[in-house]
Amino acid sequence: MTRYGFNIRTRTGQRVDNICIMAANQADAERRLRQMYHHCEIIHCQTEAVTLRNDPLDLEGVIGIISNEPATLPSVARSRLRNKSSTH
């Protein structure tokens, strides 16, 4: 898959920058662009190869990214339960 970034001028003359469209080829990306912006003029097009993710999201990995440290979910849960004060 490739990410195409377009800078265009609409049919009314308004400039629109950085419209990103994922497509298999440039012709397909331009077709999709023209479905949204009829009769637009493409000023510039840049391409960027994108690798597709095949692995599922890992909850512990996401927690590690958010907390900026390695996450061990069971130990976090145990420590929270251990330190929880009862309010009954």
N, C-alpha and C. Protein backbone atom coordinates (compact mmCIF):
# COMPACT_ATOMS: atom_id res chain seq x y z
N MET A 1 0.84 -1.18 0.00
CA MET A 1 0.00 0.00 0.00
C MET A 1 0.88 1.24 0.00
N THR A 2 0.39 2.28 -0.60
CA THR A 2 1.13 3.54 -0.69
C THR A 2 0.23 4.67 -0.22
N ARG A 3 0.82 5.61 0.50
CA ARG A 3 0.10 6.81 0.93
C ARG A 3 0.46 7.92 -0.05
N TYR A 4 -0.56 8.50 -0.64
CA TYR A 4 -0.38 9.60 -1.58
C TYR A 4 -0.82 10.90 -0.90
N GLY A 5 0.03 11.90 -0.93
CA GLY A 5 -0.29 13.20 -0.37
C GLY A 5 -0.46 14.20 -1.50
N PHE A 6 -1.64 14.80 -1.57
CA PHE A 6 -1.95 15.72 -2.66
C PHE A 6 -2.08 17.15 -2.16
N ASN A 7 -1.58 18.08 -2.96
CA ASN A 7 -1.88 19.51 -2.83
C ASN A 7 -2.69 19.85 -4.07
N ILE A 8 -3.86 20.43 -3.88
CA ILE A 8 -4.75 20.68 -5.02
C ILE A 8 -5.27 22.11 -5.01
N ARG A 9 -5.85 22.48 -6.14
CA ARG A 9 -6.61 23.72 -6.25
C ARG A 9 -8.02 23.29 -6.67
N THR A 10 -9.01 23.68 -5.88
CA THR A 10 -10.39 23.30 -6.18
C THR A 10 -10.89 24.07 -7.40
N ARG A 11 -12.06 23.68 -7.88
CA ARG A 11 -12.62 24.35 -9.06
C ARG A 11 -12.96 25.81 -8.79
N THR A 12 -13.09 26.17 -7.49
CA THR A 12 -13.36 27.58 -7.15
C THR A 12 -12.08 28.36 -6.89
N GLY A 13 -10.90 27.69 -6.98
CA GLY A 13 -9.63 28.37 -6.82
C GLY A 13 -9.01 28.26 -5.44
N GLN A 14 -9.71 27.60 -4.51
CA GLN A 14 -9.19 27.44 -3.15
C GLN A 14 -8.09 26.39 -3.14
N ARG A 15 -6.98 26.67 -2.47
CA ARG A 15 -5.88 25.71 -2.37
C ARG A 15 -6.10 24.83 -1.14
N VAL A 16 -5.95 23.52 -1.31
CA VAL A 16 -6.07 22.56 -0.22
C VAL A 16 -4.80 21.73 -0.21
N ASP A 17 -4.13 21.70 0.93
CA ASP A 17 -2.85 20.99 1.06
C ASP A 17 -3.01 19.74 1.92
N ASN A 18 -2.12 18.78 1.65
CA ASN A 18 -1.94 17.59 2.47
C ASN A 18 -3.20 16.74 2.58
N ILE A 19 -3.78 16.38 1.46
CA ILE A 19 -4.88 15.42 1.43
C ILE A 19 -4.24 14.05 1.27
N CYS A 20 -4.37 13.20 2.27
CA CYS A 20 -3.73 11.88 2.26
C CYS A 20 -4.73 10.81 1.86
N ILE A 21 -4.35 9.99 0.90
CA ILE A 21 -5.19 8.91 0.42
C ILE A 21 -4.33 7.65 0.32
N MET A 22 -4.80 6.56 0.92
CA MET A 22 -4.12 5.27 0.82
C MET A 22 -4.69 4.54 -0.40
N ALA A 23 -3.80 4.07 -1.26
CA ALA A 23 -4.25 3.37 -2.46
C ALA A 23 -3.15 2.45 -2.96
N ALA A 24 -3.53 1.54 -3.84
CA ALA A 24 -2.57 0.60 -4.41
C ALA A 24 -1.70 1.27 -5.47
N ASN A 25 -2.28 2.25 -6.20
CA ASN A 25 -1.50 2.96 -7.21
C ASN A 25 -1.99 4.40 -7.33
N GLN A 26 -1.25 5.22 -8.06
CA GLN A 26 -1.57 6.65 -8.14
C GLN A 26 -2.87 6.90 -8.88
N ALA A 27 -3.16 6.11 -9.88
CA ALA A 27 -4.41 6.30 -10.63
C ALA A 27 -5.62 6.10 -9.73
N ASP A 28 -5.56 5.09 -8.86
CA ASP A 28 -6.65 4.83 -7.92
C ASP A 28 -6.77 5.97 -6.91
N ALA A 29 -5.64 6.47 -6.44
CA ALA A 29 -5.65 7.58 -5.48
C ALA A 29 -6.25 8.84 -6.13
N GLU A 30 -5.88 9.11 -7.37
CA GLU A 30 -6.43 10.28 -8.06
C GLU A 30 -7.92 10.12 -8.32
N ARG A 31 -8.36 8.91 -8.63
CA ARG A 31 -9.79 8.66 -8.83
C ARG A 31 -10.57 8.97 -7.56
N ARG A 32 -10.05 8.49 -6.41
CA ARG A 32 -10.71 8.76 -5.13
C ARG A 32 -10.70 10.26 -4.80
N LEU A 33 -9.58 10.91 -5.11
CA LEU A 33 -9.48 12.35 -4.86
C LEU A 33 -10.53 13.11 -5.67
N ARG A 34 -10.69 12.74 -6.93
CA ARG A 34 -11.64 13.44 -7.80
C ARG A 34 -13.09 13.12 -7.46
N GLN A 35 -13.33 12.04 -6.71
CA GLN A 35 -14.68 11.79 -6.21
C GLN A 35 -15.05 12.81 -5.14
N MET A 36 -14.05 13.24 -4.37
CA MET A 36 -14.30 14.22 -3.31
C MET A 36 -14.22 15.65 -3.83
N TYR A 37 -13.28 15.91 -4.73
CA TYR A 37 -13.05 17.26 -5.26
C TYR A 37 -13.21 17.21 -6.79
N HIS A 38 -14.44 17.43 -7.25
CA HIS A 38 -14.72 17.39 -8.68
C HIS A 38 -14.00 18.53 -9.40
N HIS A 39 -13.41 18.22 -10.53
CA HIS A 39 -12.74 19.20 -11.39
C HIS A 39 -11.61 19.95 -10.69
N CYS A 40 -10.90 19.27 -9.78
CA CYS A 40 -9.78 19.92 -9.10
C CYS A 40 -8.53 19.82 -9.96
N GLU A 41 -7.58 20.69 -9.67
CA GLU A 41 -6.28 20.67 -10.33
C GLU A 41 -5.25 20.17 -9.32
N ILE A 42 -4.54 19.10 -9.67
CA ILE A 42 -3.51 18.56 -8.78
C ILE A 42 -2.25 19.39 -8.97
N ILE A 43 -1.83 20.06 -7.90
CA ILE A 43 -0.64 20.90 -7.94
C ILE A 43 0.61 20.07 -7.66
N HIS A 44 0.51 19.18 -6.68
CA HIS A 44 1.67 18.37 -6.28
C HIS A 44 1.18 17.05 -5.70
N CYS A 45 1.93 15.99 -5.96
CA CYS A 45 1.63 14.68 -5.39
C CYS A 45 2.93 14.08 -4.88
N GLN A 46 2.91 13.63 -3.64
CA GLN A 46 4.08 12.92 -3.09
C GLN A 46 3.62 11.56 -2.60
N THR A 47 4.54 10.60 -2.65
CA THR A 47 4.20 9.23 -2.26
C THR A 47 5.07 8.80 -1.09
N GLU A 48 4.49 7.90 -0.30
CA GLU A 48 5.21 7.33 0.83
C GLU A 48 4.76 5.88 0.98
N ALA A 49 5.71 4.96 0.96
CA ALA A 49 5.38 3.55 1.14
C ALA A 49 4.98 3.31 2.59
N VAL A 50 3.94 2.52 2.78
CA VAL A 50 3.43 2.24 4.12
C VAL A 50 3.40 0.73 4.31
N THR A 51 3.94 0.28 5.42
CA THR A 51 3.88 -1.14 5.74
C THR A 51 2.61 -1.41 6.52
N LEU A 52 1.92 -2.47 6.14
CA LEU A 52 0.69 -2.83 6.82
C LEU A 52 1.00 -3.68 8.04
N ARG A 53 0.24 -3.47 9.10
CA ARG A 53 0.42 -4.25 10.32
C ARG A 53 -0.39 -5.53 10.22
N ASN A 54 0.25 -6.65 10.45
CA ASN A 54 -0.45 -7.93 10.45
C ASN A 54 -0.63 -8.47 11.85
N ASP A 55 0.14 -7.94 12.81
CA ASP A 55 0.05 -8.44 14.17
C ASP A 55 -1.07 -7.71 14.91
N PRO A 56 -1.79 -8.43 15.77
CA PRO A 56 -2.85 -7.78 16.53
C PRO A 56 -2.26 -6.85 17.59
N LEU A 57 -3.06 -5.92 18.06
CA LEU A 57 -2.61 -4.99 19.09
C LEU A 57 -2.43 -5.73 20.40
N ASP A 58 -1.36 -5.47 21.09
CA ASP A 58 -1.04 -6.10 22.36
C ASP A 58 -1.38 -5.12 23.47
N LEU A 59 -2.32 -5.48 24.35
CA LEU A 59 -2.76 -4.58 25.40
C LEU A 59 -1.62 -4.18 26.32
N GLU A 60 -0.79 -5.12 26.71
CA GLU A 60 0.33 -4.80 27.59
C GLU A 60 1.33 -3.89 26.90
N GLY A 61 1.52 -4.09 25.61
CA GLY A 61 2.42 -3.22 24.86
C GLY A 61 1.91 -1.79 24.80
N VAL A 62 0.59 -1.65 24.60
CA VAL A 62 -0.01 -0.31 24.56
C VAL A 62 0.13 0.37 25.92
N ILE A 63 -0.11 -0.38 27.00
CA ILE A 63 0.05 0.19 28.34
C ILE A 63 1.49 0.61 28.56
N GLY A 64 2.43 -0.20 28.08
CA GLY A 64 3.84 0.15 28.21
C GLY A 64 4.19 1.41 27.45
N ILE A 65 3.60 1.59 26.28
CA ILE A 65 3.85 2.80 25.50
C ILE A 65 3.30 4.02 26.23
N ILE A 66 2.08 3.89 26.76
CA ILE A 66 1.45 5.01 27.45
C ILE A 66 2.22 5.39 28.71
N SER A 67 2.61 4.38 29.49
CA SER A 67 3.28 4.67 30.76
C SER A 67 4.78 4.85 30.60
N ASN A 68 5.29 4.59 29.39
CA ASN A 68 6.71 4.73 29.08
C ASN A 68 7.58 3.80 29.92
N GLU A 69 7.04 2.66 30.26
CA GLU A 69 7.81 1.65 30.98
C GLU A 69 7.21 0.29 30.63
N PRO A 70 7.96 -0.78 30.84
CA PRO A 70 7.41 -2.10 30.55
C PRO A 70 6.20 -2.36 31.44
N ALA A 71 5.16 -2.85 30.85
CA ALA A 71 3.93 -3.09 31.61
C ALA A 71 3.75 -4.56 31.90
N THR A 72 3.41 -4.86 33.11
CA THR A 72 3.00 -6.21 33.49
C THR A 72 1.64 -6.05 34.14
N LEU A 73 0.62 -6.26 33.38
CA LEU A 73 -0.74 -6.01 33.81
C LEU A 73 -1.12 -6.75 35.08
N PRO A 74 -0.83 -8.04 35.22
CA PRO A 74 -1.23 -8.72 36.45
C PRO A 74 -0.58 -8.12 37.70
N SER A 75 0.70 -7.74 37.63
CA SER A 75 1.34 -7.17 38.81
C SER A 75 0.77 -5.80 39.13
N VAL A 76 0.41 -5.03 38.11
CA VAL A 76 -0.22 -3.74 38.35
C VAL A 76 -1.56 -3.93 39.04
N ALA A 77 -2.33 -4.88 38.56
CA ALA A 77 -3.64 -5.14 39.17
C ALA A 77 -3.47 -5.64 40.61
N ARG A 78 -2.50 -6.52 40.84
CA ARG A 78 -2.27 -7.03 42.21
C ARG A 78 -1.89 -5.90 43.15
N SER A 79 -1.00 -5.01 42.72
CA SER A 79 -0.57 -3.93 43.61
C SER A 79 -1.71 -2.97 43.90
N ARG A 80 -2.56 -2.73 42.93
CA ARG A 80 -3.71 -1.85 43.18
C ARG A 80 -4.69 -2.49 44.15
N LEU A 81 -4.92 -3.78 43.99
CA LEU A 81 -5.82 -4.47 44.90
C LEU A 81 -5.23 -4.54 46.30
N ARG A 82 -3.94 -4.76 46.39
CA ARG A 82 -3.27 -4.87 47.68
C ARG A 82 -3.31 -3.55 48.43
N ASN A 83 -3.15 -2.44 47.72
CA ASN A 83 -3.09 -1.13 48.36
C ASN A 83 -4.45 -0.45 48.47
N LYS A 84 -5.50 -1.13 48.02
CA LYS A 84 -6.83 -0.54 48.06
C LYS A 84 -7.35 -0.56 49.50
N SER A 85 -7.75 0.60 49.98
CA SER A 85 -8.30 0.66 51.34
C SER A 85 -9.79 0.39 51.27
N SER A 86 -10.28 -0.36 52.22
CA SER A 86 -11.71 -0.67 52.22
C SER A 86 -12.49 0.50 52.80
N THR A 87 -13.61 0.80 52.20
CA THR A 87 -14.43 1.93 52.64
C THR A 87 -15.76 1.44 53.19
N HIS A 88 -15.86 0.16 53.54
CA HIS A 88 -17.13 -0.38 54.04
C HIS A 88 -17.29 -0.13 55.50
